[in-house]
Amino acid sequence: MSETIGIYAVYDIKGDRYDTPFFALDDLNAERKFVFNFDNNDTIFSKFKNDFKLMSIGSFNVIDGQIITEKRTIIEGLQIAREEK
């Protein structure tokens, strides 16, 4: 088991805001959660795919409780929209 888990948040490009952060074991699992929201037609993500991207905003060390911050894009909603066509 890894000593760290990732901290992720969806960034609203047009709103210039981050949504509530969530934890995932790794980038792949975070991306799956993000893509799942795009497949659900009842979410704002599915209606405005181009407006959102998944960001890694840090990691949490489960041993010492430290949070390490970072910002990097995992996947953009636009990429998902293109793959659906």
N, C-alpha and C. Protein backbone atom coordinates (compact mmCIF):
# COMPACT_ATOMS: atom_id res chain seq x y z
N MET A 1 0.84 -1.19 0.00
CA MET A 1 0.00 0.00 0.00
C MET A 1 0.88 1.25 0.00
N SER A 2 0.48 2.20 -0.80
CA SER A 2 1.23 3.45 -0.89
C SER A 2 1.03 4.28 0.38
N GLU A 3 2.02 5.07 0.69
CA GLU A 3 1.93 5.95 1.85
C GLU A 3 1.13 7.22 1.54
N THR A 4 0.87 7.48 0.26
CA THR A 4 0.14 8.69 -0.11
C THR A 4 -1.07 8.37 -0.97
N ILE A 5 -2.08 9.22 -0.86
CA ILE A 5 -3.22 9.17 -1.76
C ILE A 5 -3.37 10.55 -2.37
N GLY A 6 -3.92 10.59 -3.56
CA GLY A 6 -4.03 11.85 -4.27
C GLY A 6 -5.23 12.67 -3.84
N ILE A 7 -5.07 13.98 -3.95
CA ILE A 7 -6.15 14.93 -3.72
C ILE A 7 -6.46 15.58 -5.07
N TYR A 8 -7.73 15.53 -5.46
CA TYR A 8 -8.14 16.00 -6.77
C TYR A 8 -9.32 16.95 -6.64
N ALA A 9 -9.50 17.80 -7.65
CA ALA A 9 -10.65 18.69 -7.70
C ALA A 9 -10.97 18.98 -9.16
N VAL A 10 -12.25 19.15 -9.43
CA VAL A 10 -12.68 19.56 -10.76
C VAL A 10 -12.60 21.08 -10.82
N TYR A 11 -11.96 21.57 -11.85
CA TYR A 11 -11.83 23.01 -12.05
C TYR A 11 -12.84 23.46 -13.10
N ASP A 12 -13.64 24.46 -12.76
CA ASP A 12 -14.61 25.06 -13.67
C ASP A 12 -13.92 26.22 -14.38
N ILE A 13 -13.60 26.03 -15.63
CA ILE A 13 -12.84 27.02 -16.38
C ILE A 13 -13.60 28.33 -16.51
N LYS A 14 -14.86 28.28 -16.88
CA LYS A 14 -15.64 29.50 -17.05
C LYS A 14 -15.95 30.17 -15.71
N GLY A 15 -16.20 29.37 -14.69
CA GLY A 15 -16.48 29.93 -13.37
C GLY A 15 -15.25 30.33 -12.60
N ASP A 16 -14.08 29.89 -13.09
CA ASP A 16 -12.79 30.17 -12.46
C ASP A 16 -12.79 29.76 -10.99
N ARG A 17 -13.28 28.53 -10.73
CA ARG A 17 -13.38 28.00 -9.37
C ARG A 17 -13.11 26.51 -9.37
N TYR A 18 -12.63 26.03 -8.22
CA TYR A 18 -12.47 24.60 -7.99
C TYR A 18 -13.67 24.07 -7.24
N ASP A 19 -14.10 22.86 -7.58
CA ASP A 19 -15.16 22.19 -6.83
C ASP A 19 -14.54 21.56 -5.58
N THR A 20 -15.38 21.00 -4.74
CA THR A 20 -14.92 20.37 -3.50
C THR A 20 -13.91 19.27 -3.81
N PRO A 21 -12.75 19.28 -3.18
CA PRO A 21 -11.74 18.25 -3.42
C PRO A 21 -12.22 16.86 -3.01
N PHE A 22 -11.62 15.85 -3.65
CA PHE A 22 -11.88 14.46 -3.28
C PHE A 22 -10.57 13.69 -3.32
N PHE A 23 -10.58 12.54 -2.67
CA PHE A 23 -9.39 11.69 -2.61
C PHE A 23 -9.55 10.50 -3.55
N ALA A 24 -8.44 10.06 -4.12
CA ALA A 24 -8.41 8.85 -4.94
C ALA A 24 -7.04 8.22 -4.80
N LEU A 25 -6.99 6.91 -4.99
CA LEU A 25 -5.73 6.19 -4.84
C LEU A 25 -4.66 6.67 -5.82
N ASP A 26 -5.09 7.02 -7.03
CA ASP A 26 -4.13 7.44 -8.05
C ASP A 26 -4.87 8.20 -9.15
N ASP A 27 -4.12 8.68 -10.14
CA ASP A 27 -4.70 9.46 -11.23
C ASP A 27 -5.76 8.68 -11.99
N LEU A 28 -5.52 7.40 -12.24
CA LEU A 28 -6.46 6.58 -12.99
C LEU A 28 -7.81 6.51 -12.30
N ASN A 29 -7.81 6.26 -11.00
CA ASN A 29 -9.07 6.18 -10.26
C ASN A 29 -9.78 7.53 -10.21
N ALA A 30 -9.04 8.60 -10.09
CA ALA A 30 -9.63 9.94 -10.10
C ALA A 30 -10.25 10.23 -11.46
N GLU A 31 -9.55 9.85 -12.51
CA GLU A 31 -10.05 10.07 -13.87
C GLU A 31 -11.35 9.29 -14.10
N ARG A 32 -11.42 8.08 -13.59
CA ARG A 32 -12.65 7.28 -13.73
C ARG A 32 -13.84 7.98 -13.07
N LYS A 33 -13.62 8.54 -11.89
CA LYS A 33 -14.70 9.27 -11.19
C LYS A 33 -15.14 10.48 -12.01
N PHE A 34 -14.17 11.18 -12.56
CA PHE A 34 -14.45 12.36 -13.38
C PHE A 34 -15.25 11.98 -14.62
N VAL A 35 -14.80 10.97 -15.33
CA VAL A 35 -15.48 10.53 -16.56
C VAL A 35 -16.88 10.03 -16.25
N PHE A 36 -17.07 9.36 -15.12
CA PHE A 36 -18.38 8.87 -14.73
C PHE A 36 -19.38 10.02 -14.65
N ASN A 37 -18.96 11.16 -14.12
CA ASN A 37 -19.85 12.32 -14.03
C ASN A 37 -20.23 12.86 -15.40
N PHE A 38 -19.37 12.70 -16.38
CA PHE A 38 -19.69 13.14 -17.74
C PHE A 38 -20.69 12.22 -18.41
N ASP A 39 -20.70 10.96 -18.02
CA ASP A 39 -21.63 9.98 -18.60
C ASP A 39 -23.03 10.10 -18.01
N ASN A 40 -23.16 10.74 -16.87
CA ASN A 40 -24.44 10.91 -16.21
C ASN A 40 -25.12 12.17 -16.76
N ASN A 41 -26.17 12.00 -17.53
CA ASN A 41 -26.82 13.13 -18.20
C ASN A 41 -27.49 14.12 -17.25
N ASP A 42 -27.59 13.78 -15.98
CA ASP A 42 -28.23 14.67 -15.02
C ASP A 42 -27.25 15.62 -14.33
N THR A 43 -26.01 15.65 -14.75
CA THR A 43 -25.02 16.50 -14.10
C THR A 43 -24.66 17.69 -14.99
N ILE A 44 -24.19 18.74 -14.36
CA ILE A 44 -23.74 19.93 -15.09
C ILE A 44 -22.53 19.59 -15.97
N PHE A 45 -21.74 18.60 -15.54
CA PHE A 45 -20.56 18.20 -16.31
C PHE A 45 -20.94 17.69 -17.69
N SER A 46 -22.03 16.92 -17.76
CA SER A 46 -22.44 16.34 -19.05
C SER A 46 -22.98 17.42 -19.99
N LYS A 47 -23.52 18.49 -19.44
CA LYS A 47 -24.10 19.55 -20.27
C LYS A 47 -23.05 20.53 -20.80
N PHE A 48 -21.97 20.72 -20.04
CA PHE A 48 -20.94 21.71 -20.40
C PHE A 48 -19.54 21.09 -20.33
N LYS A 49 -19.32 20.05 -21.09
CA LYS A 49 -18.07 19.28 -21.03
C LYS A 49 -16.82 20.14 -21.20
N ASN A 50 -16.90 21.12 -22.07
CA ASN A 50 -15.72 21.93 -22.36
C ASN A 50 -15.32 22.85 -21.22
N ASP A 51 -16.19 22.99 -20.23
CA ASP A 51 -15.96 23.96 -19.16
C ASP A 51 -15.19 23.40 -17.97
N PHE A 52 -14.88 22.10 -17.98
CA PHE A 52 -14.31 21.48 -16.79
C PHE A 52 -13.04 20.69 -17.10
N LYS A 53 -12.17 20.63 -16.10
CA LYS A 53 -11.01 19.75 -16.19
C LYS A 53 -10.70 19.20 -14.80
N LEU A 54 -10.14 18.01 -14.78
CA LEU A 54 -9.75 17.37 -13.54
C LEU A 54 -8.32 17.75 -13.21
N MET A 55 -8.14 18.26 -12.00
CA MET A 55 -6.82 18.68 -11.55
C MET A 55 -6.36 17.84 -10.37
N SER A 56 -5.09 17.50 -10.36
CA SER A 56 -4.46 16.99 -9.15
C SER A 56 -4.02 18.22 -8.38
N ILE A 57 -4.45 18.32 -7.13
CA ILE A 57 -4.07 19.50 -6.35
C ILE A 57 -3.12 19.16 -5.20
N GLY A 58 -2.76 17.87 -5.09
CA GLY A 58 -1.81 17.49 -4.06
C GLY A 58 -1.91 16.04 -3.68
N SER A 59 -1.25 15.72 -2.58
CA SER A 59 -1.31 14.35 -2.05
C SER A 59 -1.31 14.41 -0.53
N PHE A 60 -1.85 13.37 0.06
CA PHE A 60 -1.97 13.25 1.50
C PHE A 60 -1.18 12.03 1.96
N ASN A 61 -0.25 12.24 2.88
CA ASN A 61 0.55 11.14 3.41
C ASN A 61 -0.22 10.53 4.58
N VAL A 62 -0.59 9.26 4.43
CA VAL A 62 -1.42 8.60 5.45
C VAL A 62 -0.61 8.21 6.69
N ILE A 63 0.71 8.28 6.62
CA ILE A 63 1.55 7.95 7.76
C ILE A 63 1.75 9.15 8.68
N ASP A 64 2.15 10.28 8.10
CA ASP A 64 2.45 11.44 8.95
C ASP A 64 1.42 12.57 8.85
N GLY A 65 0.41 12.40 8.01
CA GLY A 65 -0.66 13.39 7.92
C GLY A 65 -0.32 14.65 7.14
N GLN A 66 0.82 14.68 6.48
CA GLN A 66 1.21 15.87 5.74
C GLN A 66 0.49 15.93 4.40
N ILE A 67 0.19 17.15 3.99
CA ILE A 67 -0.38 17.40 2.67
C ILE A 67 0.67 18.12 1.84
N ILE A 68 0.93 17.57 0.67
CA ILE A 68 1.87 18.18 -0.27
C ILE A 68 1.04 18.76 -1.40
N THR A 69 1.19 20.05 -1.68
CA THR A 69 0.39 20.68 -2.72
C THR A 69 1.11 20.62 -4.07
N GLU A 70 0.32 20.54 -5.10
CA GLU A 70 0.78 20.59 -6.49
C GLU A 70 -0.44 20.87 -7.33
N LYS A 71 -0.25 21.39 -8.50
CA LYS A 71 -1.35 21.57 -9.44
C LYS A 71 -0.90 21.07 -10.80
N ARG A 72 -1.66 20.10 -11.30
CA ARG A 72 -1.42 19.61 -12.65
C ARG A 72 -2.72 19.05 -13.21
N THR A 73 -2.89 19.22 -14.49
CA THR A 73 -4.09 18.75 -15.16
C THR A 73 -3.98 17.25 -15.41
N ILE A 74 -5.05 16.53 -15.08
CA ILE A 74 -5.12 15.09 -15.36
C ILE A 74 -5.81 14.85 -16.69
N ILE A 75 -7.00 15.43 -16.86
CA ILE A 75 -7.75 15.30 -18.11
C ILE A 75 -8.72 16.47 -18.21
N GLU A 76 -8.96 16.91 -19.44
CA GLU A 76 -9.91 17.99 -19.67
C GLU A 76 -11.20 17.42 -20.22
N GLY A 77 -12.29 18.07 -19.86
CA GLY A 77 -13.60 17.63 -20.34
C GLY A 77 -13.66 17.63 -21.86
N LEU A 78 -12.94 18.53 -22.49
CA LEU A 78 -12.90 18.60 -23.94
C LEU A 78 -12.36 17.30 -24.53
N GLN A 79 -11.39 16.68 -23.87
CA GLN A 79 -10.85 15.40 -24.34
C GLN A 79 -11.93 14.32 -24.33
N ILE A 80 -12.76 14.32 -23.29
CA ILE A 80 -13.84 13.34 -23.19
C ILE A 80 -14.87 13.59 -24.29
N ALA A 81 -15.20 14.85 -24.53
CA ALA A 81 -16.17 15.20 -25.57
C ALA A 81 -15.68 14.72 -26.93
N ARG A 82 -14.40 14.88 -27.21
CA ARG A 82 -13.83 14.44 -28.50
C ARG A 82 -13.88 12.93 -28.66
N GLU A 83 -13.61 12.21 -27.57
CA GLU A 83 -13.61 10.75 -27.62
C GLU A 83 -15.00 10.19 -27.87
N GLU A 84 -16.03 10.92 -27.47
CA GLU A 84 -17.42 10.45 -27.64
C GLU A 84 -17.89 10.57 -29.08
N LYS A 85 -17.24 11.41 -29.88
CA LYS A 85 -17.69 11.64 -31.27
C LYS A 85 -17.24 10.54 -32.18
